[in-house]
Amino acid sequence: MGFLWPSALLLLLLIPVLAVWYRRSLALPAAAATLHPDLATLARASGKQRDLTRHLPVAFFSLALILGIVALARPIIPILHADPRTTIVLALDVSRSMRATDVLPSRFEAAREALKVFIRELPQGARIGLVTFSRAATEVVAPTTDRQRLLDSVDLIQLEFGTAIGEGILTSLQALPPLEQRKGAKDPSELATIILLTDGRSISGIDPLEAARIAAEQKVRIHTIGVGRVTEGPVPGLENVYQWAAYFDEEVLKQIAAITGGKYFFVNSAGKLRETYQQLSRSFVWKVKQDEVSGIATLAAGVFLLSSLVLSELRRQVV
């Protein structure tokens, strides 16, 4: 913590002076203690109550005074912010094989909850977009800082037929700021990222590797997440053709990440998926910004001051 006006903290030297004055006022006769009746007379008013109770109004007043001085010094604390130029697109496979329950409660529900964790935990400042893909790709939410809108949109996602990973990449690219807007950065790829999750193999649209090469040319980094199985076999929660076809091409996902400078992750549980998104949320370009919190100190001072006044009035009525 730091202060914009640290010299104001010198006023804290008044606190010991007031404490000494208060202690002395307790020993004065009631008539001589009228310089500050709320402190001296109130403190001496009754020996029938516990010492802690008789000193509470003064203690609260002292805390209010200290917090008021701290607020006057304008305290600042370091807060982690995303670089405001950072844009992240979450690309989610919404093929019907995501109904599989080999990842509980299902691949789709686990992915949806992991996306929410990522959206909530990502420091403020970054823009996040949402793209879904099945046999085609759709930009659900253009990159925005409105986290609640993103969370609401994640809840509305529905499953469809087919898997077109390459189309998901191209649609995500269109949502990201063009390279020209990122050329001033030391590494433009740090400001434009796609996090792509799939549980299947691409069966339509542009070749995913070709789409990855286009992303690399645009200095866009793609992290890929494969969820479920990497080999063919029966999958719980699915029927007919999906029961044997619900597995992804791990090699393709690895190549997409390698071509664009991203990372590949394999997950087979909801907990691992959530950890993966949490790990990715800490991998972006962050800045430490000094935020002023004098408002919090002022509010706390007001609460203690009001409490002191209320307790003083209550004790006055008792006396």
C-alpha atoms as a PDB file:
ATOM      1  CA  MET A   1       0.000   0.000   0.000  1.00  0.00           C
ATOM      2  CA  GLY A   2       1.086   3.552  -0.719  1.00  0.00           C
ATOM      3  CA  PHE A   3      -0.309   7.070  -0.349  1.00  0.00           C
ATOM      4  CA  LEU A   4      -0.732   9.940  -2.781  1.00  0.00           C
ATOM      5  CA  TRP A   5      -0.557  12.499   0.067  1.00  0.00           C
ATOM      6  CA  PRO A   6       1.620  10.769   2.694  1.00  0.00           C
ATOM      7  CA  SER A   7       2.264  14.024   4.559  1.00  0.00           C
ATOM      8  CA  ALA A   8      -1.337  13.910   5.789  1.00  0.00           C
ATOM      9  CA  LEU A   9      -0.375  10.933   7.944  1.00  0.00           C
ATOM     10  CA  LEU A  10       1.457  13.355  10.249  1.00  0.00           C
ATOM     11  CA  LEU A  11      -1.962  14.123  11.688  1.00  0.00           C
ATOM     12  CA  LEU A  12      -1.857  10.688  13.299  1.00  0.00           C
ATOM     13  CA  LEU A  13       0.494  12.219  15.860  1.00  0.00           C
ATOM     14  CA  LEU A  14      -2.596  13.845  17.330  1.00  0.00           C
ATOM     15  CA  ILE A  15      -3.962  10.464  18.402  1.00  0.00           C
ATOM     16  CA  PRO A  16      -1.515   9.917  21.320  1.00  0.00           C
ATOM     17  CA  VAL A  17      -2.100  13.517  22.452  1.00  0.00           C
ATOM     18  CA  LEU A  18      -5.850  12.961  22.534  1.00  0.00           C
ATOM     19  CA  ALA A  19      -5.378   9.661  24.337  1.00  0.00           C
ATOM     20  CA  VAL A  20      -3.357  11.346  27.097  1.00  0.00           C
ATOM     21  CA  TRP A  21      -5.972  14.093  27.371  1.00  0.00           C
ATOM     22  CA  TYR A  22      -8.715  11.486  27.641  1.00  0.00           C
ATOM     23  CA  ARG A  23      -6.922   9.576  30.405  1.00  0.00           C
ATOM     24  CA  ARG A  24      -6.440  12.783  32.379  1.00  0.00           C
ATOM     25  CA  SER A  25     -10.037  13.839  31.887  1.00  0.00           C
ATOM     26  CA  LEU A  26     -11.190  10.666  33.615  1.00  0.00           C
ATOM     27  CA  ALA A  27      -9.592  11.842  36.852  1.00  0.00           C
ATOM     28  CA  LEU A  28     -11.201  15.285  36.744  1.00  0.00           C
ATOM     29  CA  PRO A  29     -14.328  16.149  38.772  1.00  0.00           C
ATOM     30  CA  ALA A  30     -17.464  16.003  36.675  1.00  0.00           C
ATOM     31  CA  ALA A  31     -17.769  19.799  36.629  1.00  0.00           C
ATOM     32  CA  ALA A  32     -14.217  20.198  35.346  1.00  0.00           C
ATOM     33  CA  ALA A  33     -14.713  17.674  32.617  1.00  0.00           C
ATOM     34  CA  THR A  34     -17.155  19.763  30.645  1.00  0.00           C
ATOM     35  CA  LEU A  35     -14.637  20.689  27.973  1.00  0.00           C
ATOM     36  CA  HIS A  36     -15.686  17.510  26.184  1.00  0.00           C
ATOM     37  CA  PRO A  37     -18.745  16.059  27.945  1.00  0.00           C
ATOM     38  CA  ASP A  38     -19.162  13.234  25.465  1.00  0.00           C
ATOM     39  CA  LEU A  39     -15.736  11.880  26.341  1.00  0.00           C
ATOM     40  CA  ALA A  40     -14.984  12.704  29.995  1.00  0.00           C
ATOM     41  CA  THR A  41     -18.440  12.688  31.558  1.00  0.00           C
ATOM     42  CA  LEU A  42     -19.495   9.669  29.532  1.00  0.00           C
ATOM     43  CA  ALA A  43     -16.393   7.757  30.582  1.00  0.00           C
ATOM     44  CA  ARG A  44     -16.960   8.591  34.300  1.00  0.00           C
ATOM     45  CA  ALA A  45     -20.731   8.355  34.224  1.00  0.00           C
ATOM     46  CA  SER A  46     -21.251   4.991  35.812  1.00  0.00           C
ATOM     47  CA  GLY A  47     -19.174   2.360  37.527  1.00  0.00           C
ATOM     48  CA  LYS A  48     -22.018  -0.089  37.204  1.00  0.00           C
ATOM     49  CA  GLN A  49     -21.082  -1.052  33.682  1.00  0.00           C
ATOM     50  CA  ARG A  50     -18.033  -2.889  32.485  1.00  0.00           C
ATOM     51  CA  ASP A  51     -14.910  -0.894  31.561  1.00  0.00           C
ATOM     52  CA  LEU A  52     -15.089  -2.194  27.991  1.00  0.00           C
ATOM     53  CA  THR A  53     -18.567  -0.750  27.499  1.00  0.00           C
ATOM     54  CA  ARG A  54     -17.735   2.657  28.976  1.00  0.00           C
ATOM     55  CA  HIS A  55     -14.770   3.078  26.617  1.00  0.00           C
ATOM     56  CA  LEU A  56     -16.430   1.855  23.419  1.00  0.00           C
ATOM     57  CA  PRO A  57     -17.685   5.271  22.204  1.00  0.00           C
ATOM     58  CA  VAL A  58     -14.204   6.744  22.615  1.00  0.00           C
ATOM     59  CA  ALA A  59     -12.582   3.739  20.949  1.00  0.00           C
ATOM     60  CA  PHE A  60     -14.934   3.977  17.959  1.00  0.00           C
ATOM     61  CA  PHE A  61     -14.373   7.727  17.727  1.00  0.00           C
ATOM     62  CA  SER A  62     -10.599   7.133  17.707  1.00  0.00           C
ATOM     63  CA  LEU A  63     -10.890   4.544  14.931  1.00  0.00           C
ATOM     64  CA  ALA A  64     -13.036   6.950  12.917  1.00  0.00           C
ATOM     65  CA  LEU A  65     -10.417   9.657  13.353  1.00  0.00           C
ATOM     66  CA  ILE A  66      -7.579   7.348  12.301  1.00  0.00           C
ATOM     67  CA  LEU A  67      -9.466   6.105   9.231  1.00  0.00           C
ATOM     68  CA  GLY A  68     -10.402   9.674   8.325  1.00  0.00           C
ATOM     69  CA  ILE A  69      -6.750  10.688   8.369  1.00  0.00           C
ATOM     70  CA  VAL A  70      -5.821   7.642   6.296  1.00  0.00           C
ATOM     71  CA  ALA A  71      -8.519   8.600   3.765  1.00  0.00           C
ATOM     72  CA  LEU A  72      -7.139  12.137   3.675  1.00  0.00           C
ATOM     73  CA  ALA A  73      -3.724  10.691   2.739  1.00  0.00           C
ATOM     74  CA  ARG A  74      -5.399   9.019  -0.291  1.00  0.00           C
ATOM     75  CA  PRO A  75      -4.255   5.393   0.051  1.00  0.00           C
ATOM     76  CA  ILE A  76      -3.515   3.357  -3.079  1.00  0.00           C
ATOM     77  CA  ILE A  77      -3.126  -0.398  -3.490  1.00  0.00           C
ATOM     78  CA  PRO A  78      -1.763  -2.413  -6.421  1.00  0.00           C
ATOM     79  CA  ILE A  79      -4.521  -4.107  -8.449  1.00  0.00           C
ATOM     80  CA  LEU A  80      -3.893  -6.578 -11.256  1.00  0.00           C
ATOM     81  CA  HIS A  81      -5.460  -5.437 -14.528  1.00  0.00           C
ATOM     82  CA  ALA A  82      -5.376  -6.986 -17.961  1.00  0.00           C
ATOM     83  CA  ASP A  83      -3.759  -4.947 -20.685  1.00  0.00           C
ATOM     84  CA  PRO A  84      -6.792  -3.116 -22.139  1.00  0.00           C
ATOM     85  CA  ARG A  85      -5.639  -4.139 -25.617  1.00  0.00           C
ATOM     86  CA  THR A  86      -5.887  -7.841 -24.738  1.00  0.00           C
ATOM     87  CA  THR A  87      -8.654  -9.718 -26.561  1.00  0.00           C
ATOM     88  CA  ILE A  88      -9.503 -13.367 -25.946  1.00  0.00           C
ATOM     89  CA  VAL A  89     -12.008 -15.436 -27.915  1.00  0.00           C
ATOM     90  CA  LEU A  90     -13.404 -18.576 -26.323  1.00  0.00           C
ATOM     91  CA  ALA A  91     -14.188 -21.040 -29.118  1.00  0.00           C
ATOM     92  CA  LEU A  92     -16.399 -23.904 -27.964  1.00  0.00           C
ATOM     93  CA  ASP A  93     -17.326 -27.126 -29.779  1.00  0.00           C
ATOM     94  CA  VAL A  94     -21.113 -27.549 -29.493  1.00  0.00           C
ATOM     95  CA  SER A  95     -21.431 -30.805 -31.433  1.00  0.00           C
ATOM     96  CA  ARG A  96     -23.890 -33.313 -29.994  1.00  0.00           C
ATOM     97  CA  SER A  97     -21.087 -35.623 -28.885  1.00  0.00           C
ATOM     98  CA  MET A  98     -20.498 -33.086 -26.089  1.00  0.00           C
ATOM     99  CA  ARG A  99     -23.435 -34.812 -24.338  1.00  0.00           C
ATOM    100  CA  ALA A 100     -21.108 -37.672 -23.408  1.00  0.00           C
ATOM    101  CA  THR A 101     -20.886 -38.370 -19.675  1.00  0.00           C
ATOM    102  CA  ASP A 102     -17.351 -39.751 -19.530  1.00  0.00           C
ATOM    103  CA  VAL A 103     -16.604 -36.276 -18.106  1.00  0.00           C
ATOM    104  CA  LEU A 104     -19.193 -35.645 -15.406  1.00  0.00           C
ATOM    105  CA  PRO A 105     -21.819 -34.326 -15.391  1.00  0.00           C
ATOM    106  CA  SER A 106     -21.226 -34.216 -19.167  1.00  0.00           C
ATOM    107  CA  ARG A 107     -18.539 -32.845 -21.451  1.00  0.00           C
ATOM    108  CA  PHE A 108     -20.802 -29.932 -22.342  1.00  0.00           C
ATOM    109  CA  GLU A 109     -21.804 -29.005 -18.786  1.00  0.00           C
ATOM    110  CA  ALA A 110     -18.202 -29.309 -17.574  1.00  0.00           C
ATOM    111  CA  ALA A 111     -17.032 -27.051 -20.414  1.00  0.00           C
ATOM    112  CA  ARG A 112     -19.773 -24.528 -19.743  1.00  0.00           C
ATOM    113  CA  GLU A 113     -18.903 -24.280 -16.051  1.00  0.00           C
ATOM    114  CA  ALA A 114     -15.174 -23.987 -16.852  1.00  0.00           C
ATOM    115  CA  LEU A 115     -15.905 -21.103 -19.235  1.00  0.00           C
ATOM    116  CA  LYS A 116     -17.791 -19.325 -16.467  1.00  0.00           C
ATOM    117  CA  VAL A 117     -14.857 -19.754 -14.091  1.00  0.00           C
ATOM    118  CA  PHE A 118     -12.515 -18.274 -16.707  1.00  0.00           C
ATOM    119  CA  ILE A 119     -14.831 -15.318 -17.364  1.00  0.00           C
ATOM    120  CA  ARG A 120     -15.236 -14.566 -13.649  1.00  0.00           C
ATOM    121  CA  GLU A 121     -11.573 -14.944 -12.672  1.00  0.00           C
ATOM    122  CA  LEU A 122      -9.960 -13.096 -15.566  1.00  0.00           C
ATOM    123  CA  PRO A 123      -8.800  -9.692 -14.240  1.00  0.00           C
ATOM    124  CA  GLN A 124     -10.811  -6.729 -15.440  1.00  0.00           C
ATOM    125  CA  GLY A 125      -9.669  -4.904 -18.545  1.00  0.00           C
ATOM    126  CA  ALA A 126      -9.423  -7.681 -21.112  1.00  0.00           C
ATOM    127  CA  ARG A 127     -12.133  -8.105 -23.718  1.00  0.00           C
ATOM    128  CA  ILE A 128     -13.606 -11.576 -24.103  1.00  0.00           C
ATOM    129  CA  GLY A 129     -15.585 -12.926 -27.054  1.00  0.00           C
ATOM    130  CA  LEU A 130     -17.516 -16.164 -27.466  1.00  0.00           C
ATOM    131  CA  VAL A 131     -17.674 -18.344 -30.584  1.00  0.00           C
ATOM    132  CA  THR A 132     -19.400 -21.708 -30.954  1.00  0.00           C
ATOM    133  CA  PHE A 133     -18.902 -24.196 -33.732  1.00  0.00           C
ATOM    134  CA  SER A 134     -20.600 -27.364 -34.922  1.00  0.00           C
ATOM    135  CA  ARG A 135     -21.021 -27.926 -38.672  1.00  0.00           C
ATOM    136  CA  ALA A 136     -20.632 -24.124 -38.927  1.00  0.00           C
ATOM    137  CA  ALA A 137     -19.338 -21.426 -36.605  1.00  0.00           C
ATOM    138  CA  THR A 138     -21.195 -18.547 -34.941  1.00  0.00           C
ATOM    139  CA  GLU A 139     -19.984 -15.459 -33.139  1.00  0.00           C
ATOM    140  CA  VAL A 140     -22.232 -15.556 -30.077  1.00  0.00           C
ATOM    141  CA  VAL A 141     -20.759 -12.500 -28.338  1.00  0.00           C
ATOM    142  CA  ALA A 142     -18.362 -10.010 -29.898  1.00  0.00           C
ATOM    143  CA  PRO A 143     -15.357  -9.219 -27.661  1.00  0.00           C
ATOM    144  CA  THR A 144     -16.594  -7.213 -24.704  1.00  0.00           C
ATOM    145  CA  THR A 145     -15.774  -6.309 -21.109  1.00  0.00           C
ATOM    146  CA  ASP A 146     -19.380  -7.011 -20.067  1.00  0.00           C
ATOM    147  CA  ARG A 147     -18.813 -10.180 -18.031  1.00  0.00           C
ATOM    148  CA  GLN A 148     -22.484 -10.647 -17.117  1.00  0.00           C
ATOM    149  CA  ARG A 149     -23.501 -10.648 -20.773  1.00  0.00           C
ATOM    150  CA  LEU A 150     -20.930 -13.351 -21.446  1.00  0.00           C
ATOM    151  CA  LEU A 151     -22.111 -15.464 -18.515  1.00  0.00           C
ATOM    152  CA  ASP A 152     -25.726 -15.171 -19.649  1.00  0.00           C
ATOM    153  CA  SER A 153     -24.765 -16.154 -23.201  1.00  0.00           C
ATOM    154  CA  VAL A 154     -22.876 -19.238 -22.003  1.00  0.00           C
ATOM    155  CA  ASP A 155     -26.067 -20.407 -20.273  1.00  0.00           C
ATOM    156  CA  LEU A 156     -28.003 -20.138 -23.545  1.00  0.00           C
ATOM    157  CA  ILE A 157     -25.677 -22.264 -25.690  1.00  0.00           C
ATOM    158  CA  GLN A 158     -27.358 -25.265 -27.354  1.00  0.00           C
ATOM    159  CA  LEU A 159     -25.819 -28.378 -28.932  1.00  0.00           C
ATOM    160  CA  GLU A 160     -26.000 -28.974 -32.699  1.00  0.00           C
ATOM    161  CA  PHE A 161     -24.770 -31.438 -35.331  1.00  0.00           C
ATOM    162  CA  GLY A 162     -21.287 -31.656 -36.848  1.00  0.00           C
ATOM    163  CA  THR A 163     -17.784 -30.378 -36.065  1.00  0.00           C
ATOM    164  CA  ALA A 164     -15.925 -27.728 -38.094  1.00  0.00           C
ATOM    165  CA  ILE A 165     -12.828 -26.764 -36.121  1.00  0.00           C
ATOM    166  CA  GLY A 166     -11.327 -24.736 -38.962  1.00  0.00           C
ATOM    167  CA  GLU A 167     -14.482 -22.642 -39.256  1.00  0.00           C
ATOM    168  CA  GLY A 168     -14.371 -22.028 -35.522  1.00  0.00           C
ATOM    169  CA  ILE A 169     -10.838 -20.680 -35.872  1.00  0.00           C
ATOM    170  CA  LEU A 170     -11.692 -18.403 -38.812  1.00  0.00           C
ATOM    171  CA  THR A 171     -14.773 -16.970 -37.094  1.00  0.00           C
ATOM    172  CA  SER A 172     -12.701 -16.343 -33.968  1.00  0.00           C
ATOM    173  CA  LEU A 173     -10.069 -14.573 -36.067  1.00  0.00           C
ATOM    174  CA  GLN A 174     -12.711 -12.251 -37.496  1.00  0.00           C
ATOM    175  CA  ALA A 175     -13.732 -11.283 -33.951  1.00  0.00           C
ATOM    176  CA  LEU A 176     -10.180 -10.347 -32.944  1.00  0.00           C
ATOM    177  CA  PRO A 177      -8.604  -6.942 -33.641  1.00  0.00           C
ATOM    178  CA  PRO A 178      -6.537  -6.945 -36.861  1.00  0.00           C
ATOM    179  CA  LEU A 179      -2.759  -7.159 -36.725  1.00  0.00           C
ATOM    180  CA  GLU A 180      -2.444  -3.477 -37.708  1.00  0.00           C
ATOM    181  CA  GLN A 181      -3.983  -2.469 -34.381  1.00  0.00           C
ATOM    182  CA  ARG A 182      -1.482  -4.594 -32.442  1.00  0.00           C
ATOM    183  CA  LYS A 183       1.757  -3.777 -34.225  1.00  0.00           C
ATOM    184  CA  GLY A 184       2.937  -1.401 -31.513  1.00  0.00           C
ATOM    185  CA  ALA A 185       3.096  -4.243 -28.986  1.00  0.00           C
ATOM    186  CA  LYS A 186       6.320  -6.084 -28.221  1.00  0.00           C
ATOM    187  CA  ASP A 187       4.590  -9.358 -29.081  1.00  0.00           C
ATOM    188  CA  PRO A 188       1.275  -8.829 -30.968  1.00  0.00           C
ATOM    189  CA  SER A 189       0.256 -12.443 -30.343  1.00  0.00           C
ATOM    190  CA  GLU A 190       0.022 -11.730 -26.602  1.00  0.00           C
ATOM    191  CA  LEU A 191      -2.855  -9.344 -27.284  1.00  0.00           C
ATOM    192  CA  ALA A 192      -4.955 -11.696 -29.442  1.00  0.00           C
ATOM    193  CA  THR A 193      -5.669 -15.227 -28.257  1.00  0.00           C
ATOM    194  CA  ILE A 194      -8.095 -18.004 -29.095  1.00  0.00           C
ATOM    195  CA  ILE A 195      -8.854 -20.741 -26.572  1.00  0.00           C
ATOM    196  CA  LEU A 196     -10.434 -23.580 -28.518  1.00  0.00           C
ATOM    197  CA  LEU A 197     -12.112 -26.574 -26.886  1.00  0.00           C
ATOM    198  CA  THR A 198     -13.311 -29.633 -28.795  1.00  0.00           C
ATOM    199  CA  ASP A 199     -14.137 -33.272 -28.199  1.00  0.00           C
ATOM    200  CA  GLY A 200     -14.228 -34.336 -31.857  1.00  0.00           C
ATOM    201  CA  ARG A 201     -12.546 -34.353 -35.236  1.00  0.00           C
ATOM    202  CA  SER A 202     -13.240 -31.783 -37.931  1.00  0.00           C
ATOM    203  CA  ILE A 203     -15.566 -33.230 -40.568  1.00  0.00           C
ATOM    204  CA  SER A 204     -16.500 -30.092 -42.514  1.00  0.00           C
ATOM    205  CA  GLY A 205     -15.254 -26.665 -43.466  1.00  0.00           C
ATOM    206  CA  ILE A 206     -11.688 -25.486 -43.971  1.00  0.00           C
ATOM    207  CA  ASP A 207      -8.783 -27.684 -42.878  1.00  0.00           C
ATOM    208  CA  PRO A 208      -8.017 -26.778 -39.226  1.00  0.00           C
ATOM    209  CA  LEU A 209      -4.272 -26.666 -39.946  1.00  0.00           C
ATOM    210  CA  GLU A 210      -4.809 -24.238 -42.812  1.00  0.00           C
ATOM    211  CA  ALA A 211      -6.888 -22.058 -40.516  1.00  0.00           C
ATOM    212  CA  ALA A 212      -4.091 -22.262 -37.927  1.00  0.00           C
ATOM    213  CA  ARG A 213      -1.553 -21.047 -40.478  1.00  0.00           C
ATOM    214  CA  ILE A 214      -3.779 -18.068 -41.273  1.00  0.00           C
ATOM    215  CA  ALA A 215      -3.952 -17.325 -37.535  1.00  0.00           C
ATOM    216  CA  ALA A 216      -0.161 -17.522 -37.284  1.00  0.00           C
ATOM    217  CA  GLU A 217       0.187 -15.018 -40.114  1.00  0.00           C
ATOM    218  CA  GLN A 218      -2.088 -12.682 -38.177  1.00  0.00           C
ATOM    219  CA  LYS A 219       0.045 -13.136 -35.021  1.00  0.00           C
ATOM    220  CA  VAL A 220      -2.808 -14.824 -33.151  1.00  0.00           C
ATOM    221  CA  ARG A 221      -2.050 -17.472 -30.548  1.00  0.00           C
ATOM    222  CA  ILE A 222      -4.328 -20.522 -30.231  1.00  0.00           C
ATOM    223  CA  HIS A 223      -4.479 -22.698 -27.137  1.00  0.00           C
ATOM    224  CA  THR A 224      -6.251 -25.988 -27.813  1.00  0.00           C
ATOM    225  CA  ILE A 225      -8.085 -28.191 -25.323  1.00  0.00           C
ATOM    226  CA  GLY A 226      -9.092 -31.752 -26.136  1.00  0.00           C
ATOM    227  CA  VAL A 227     -11.746 -33.133 -23.831  1.00  0.00           C
ATOM    228  CA  GLY A 228     -12.916 -36.759 -23.567  1.00  0.00           C
ATOM    229  CA  ARG A 229     -11.203 -39.547 -25.494  1.00  0.00           C
ATOM    230  CA  VAL A 230      -8.314 -39.785 -27.921  1.00  0.00           C
ATOM    231  CA  THR A 231      -9.218 -43.292 -29.171  1.00  0.00           C
ATOM    232  CA  GLU A 232     -12.346 -44.823 -30.620  1.00  0.00           C
ATOM    233  CA  GLY A 233     -14.573 -46.744 -28.249  1.00  0.00           C
ATOM    234  CA  PRO A 234     -17.925 -46.726 -26.446  1.00  0.00           C
ATOM    235  CA  VAL A 235     -18.701 -43.459 -24.699  1.00  0.00           C
ATOM    236  CA  PRO A 236     -21.264 -43.296 -21.864  1.00  0.00           C
ATOM    237  CA  GLY A 237     -24.168 -40.964 -22.417  1.00  0.00           C
ATOM    238  CA  LEU A 238     -24.226 -41.348 -26.210  1.00  0.00           C
ATOM    239  CA  GLU A 239     -25.955 -43.708 -28.583  1.00  0.00           C
ATOM    240  CA  ASN A 240     -25.729 -44.956 -32.163  1.00  0.00           C
ATOM    241  CA  VAL A 241     -22.860 -43.529 -34.210  1.00  0.00           C
ATOM    242  CA  TYR A 242     -21.808 -41.037 -31.520  1.00  0.00           C
ATOM    243  CA  GLN A 243     -20.997 -43.816 -29.102  1.00  0.00           C
ATOM    244  CA  TRP A 244     -18.041 -44.869 -31.248  1.00  0.00           C
ATOM    245  CA  ALA A 245     -17.130 -41.631 -33.007  1.00  0.00           C
ATOM    246  CA  ALA A 246     -16.901 -39.265 -30.034  1.00  0.00           C
ATOM    247  CA  TYR A 247     -13.128 -38.886 -29.884  1.00  0.00           C
ATOM    248  CA  PHE A 248     -10.802 -36.128 -31.043  1.00  0.00           C
ATOM    249  CA  ASP A 249      -7.678 -35.954 -33.181  1.00  0.00           C
ATOM    250  CA  GLU A 250      -5.028 -35.140 -30.608  1.00  0.00           C
ATOM    251  CA  GLU A 251      -2.293 -34.705 -33.189  1.00  0.00           C
ATOM    252  CA  VAL A 252      -4.228 -32.007 -35.048  1.00  0.00           C
ATOM    253  CA  LEU A 253      -4.848 -30.068 -31.826  1.00  0.00           C
ATOM    254  CA  LYS A 254      -1.158 -30.285 -30.962  1.00  0.00           C
ATOM    255  CA  GLN A 255      -0.219 -28.983 -34.399  1.00  0.00           C
ATOM    256  CA  ILE A 256      -2.681 -26.085 -34.209  1.00  0.00           C
ATOM    257  CA  ALA A 257      -1.115 -25.000 -30.913  1.00  0.00           C
ATOM    258  CA  ALA A 258       2.433 -25.475 -32.227  1.00  0.00           C
ATOM    259  CA  ILE A 259       1.820 -23.509 -35.434  1.00  0.00           C
ATOM    260  CA  THR A 260       0.443 -20.509 -33.534  1.00  0.00           C
ATOM    261  CA  GLY A 261       2.722 -20.577 -30.488  1.00  0.00           C
ATOM    262  CA  GLY A 262       0.006 -21.800 -28.153  1.00  0.00           C
ATOM    263  CA  LYS A 263      -0.306 -24.778 -25.818  1.00  0.00           C
ATOM    264  CA  TYR A 264      -2.239 -28.029 -26.059  1.00  0.00           C
ATOM    265  CA  PHE A 265      -4.121 -29.502 -23.085  1.00  0.00           C
ATOM    266  CA  PHE A 266      -5.764 -32.900 -22.694  1.00  0.00           C
ATOM    267  CA  VAL A 267      -8.499 -33.104 -20.063  1.00  0.00           C
ATOM    268  CA  ASN A 268     -10.661 -36.012 -18.985  1.00  0.00           C
ATOM    269  CA  SER A 269     -12.411 -34.621 -15.922  1.00  0.00           C
ATOM    270  CA  ALA A 270     -14.383 -31.535 -14.940  1.00  0.00           C
ATOM    271  CA  GLY A 271     -11.799 -30.633 -12.290  1.00  0.00           C
ATOM    272  CA  LYS A 272      -8.921 -30.823 -14.781  1.00  0.00           C
ATOM    273  CA  LEU A 273     -10.876 -28.721 -17.269  1.00  0.00           C
ATOM    274  CA  ARG A 274     -11.516 -26.019 -14.668  1.00  0.00           C
ATOM    275  CA  GLU A 275      -7.823 -26.025 -13.678  1.00  0.00           C
ATOM    276  CA  THR A 276      -6.820 -25.667 -17.338  1.00  0.00           C
ATOM    277  CA  TYR A 277      -8.912 -22.540 -17.837  1.00  0.00           C
ATOM    278  CA  GLN A 278      -7.637 -21.121 -14.540  1.00  0.00           C
ATOM    279  CA  GLN A 279      -4.053 -21.734 -15.687  1.00  0.00           C
ATOM    280  CA  LEU A 280      -4.752 -20.015 -18.996  1.00  0.00           C
ATOM    281  CA  SER A 281      -6.323 -17.015 -17.246  1.00  0.00           C
ATOM    282  CA  ARG A 282      -2.954 -16.357 -15.592  1.00  0.00           C
ATOM    283  CA  SER A 283      -0.975 -16.585 -18.826  1.00  0.00           C
ATOM    284  CA  PHE A 284      -1.943 -13.280 -20.395  1.00  0.00           C
ATOM    285  CA  VAL A 285      -0.282  -9.864 -20.262  1.00  0.00           C
ATOM    286  CA  TRP A 286      -1.236  -8.170 -16.998  1.00  0.00           C
ATOM    287  CA  LYS A 287      -0.389  -4.771 -15.627  1.00  0.00           C
ATOM    288  CA  VAL A 288      -0.235  -3.689 -12.000  1.00  0.00           C
ATOM    289  CA  LYS A 289      -2.263  -0.517 -11.597  1.00  0.00           C
ATOM    290  CA  GLN A 290      -2.312   1.583  -8.450  1.00  0.00           C
ATOM    291  CA  ASP A 291      -5.967   2.092  -7.499  1.00  0.00           C
ATOM    292  CA  GLU A 292      -7.020   4.695  -4.939  1.00  0.00           C
ATOM    293  CA  VAL A 293      -9.136   3.268  -2.107  1.00  0.00           C
ATOM    294  CA  SER A 294      -9.744   6.417  -0.044  1.00  0.00           C
ATOM    295  CA  GLY A 295     -13.478   5.899  -0.525  1.00  0.00           C
ATOM    296  CA  ILE A 296     -13.340   2.639   1.421  1.00  0.00           C
ATOM    297  CA  ALA A 297     -11.444   4.287   4.278  1.00  0.00           C
ATOM    298  CA  THR A 298     -13.926   7.178   4.317  1.00  0.00           C
ATOM    299  CA  LEU A 299     -16.879   4.793   4.458  1.00  0.00           C
ATOM    300  CA  ALA A 300     -15.318   2.833   7.327  1.00  0.00           C
ATOM    301  CA  ALA A 301     -14.591   6.076   9.182  1.00  0.00           C
ATOM    302  CA  GLY A 302     -18.223   7.109   8.806  1.00  0.00           C
ATOM    303  CA  VAL A 303     -19.443   3.778  10.178  1.00  0.00           C
ATOM    304  CA  PHE A 304     -17.242   4.047  13.275  1.00  0.00           C
ATOM    305  CA  LEU A 305     -18.171   7.691  13.815  1.00  0.00           C
ATOM    306  CA  LEU A 306     -21.875   6.907  13.619  1.00  0.00           C
ATOM    307  CA  SER A 307     -21.411   3.982  16.007  1.00  0.00           C
ATOM    308  CA  SER A 308     -19.591   6.252  18.451  1.00  0.00           C
ATOM    309  CA  LEU A 309     -22.406   8.800  18.376  1.00  0.00           C
ATOM    310  CA  VAL A 310     -25.093   6.161  18.863  1.00  0.00           C
ATOM    311  CA  LEU A 311     -23.301   4.564  21.822  1.00  0.00           C
ATOM    312  CA  SER A 312     -22.670   7.972  23.378  1.00  0.00           C
ATOM    313  CA  GLU A 313     -26.355   8.833  23.163  1.00  0.00           C
ATOM    314  CA  LEU A 314     -27.374   5.483  24.624  1.00  0.00           C
ATOM    315  CA  ARG A 315     -25.035   5.918  27.576  1.00  0.00           C
ATOM    316  CA  ARG A 316     -26.272   9.492  28.086  1.00  0.00           C
ATOM    317  CA  GLN A 317     -29.832   8.158  28.388  1.00  0.00           C
ATOM    318  CA  VAL A 318     -28.708   5.509  30.880  1.00  0.00           C
ATOM    319  CA  VAL A 319     -26.949   8.137  32.975  1.00  0.00           C
END
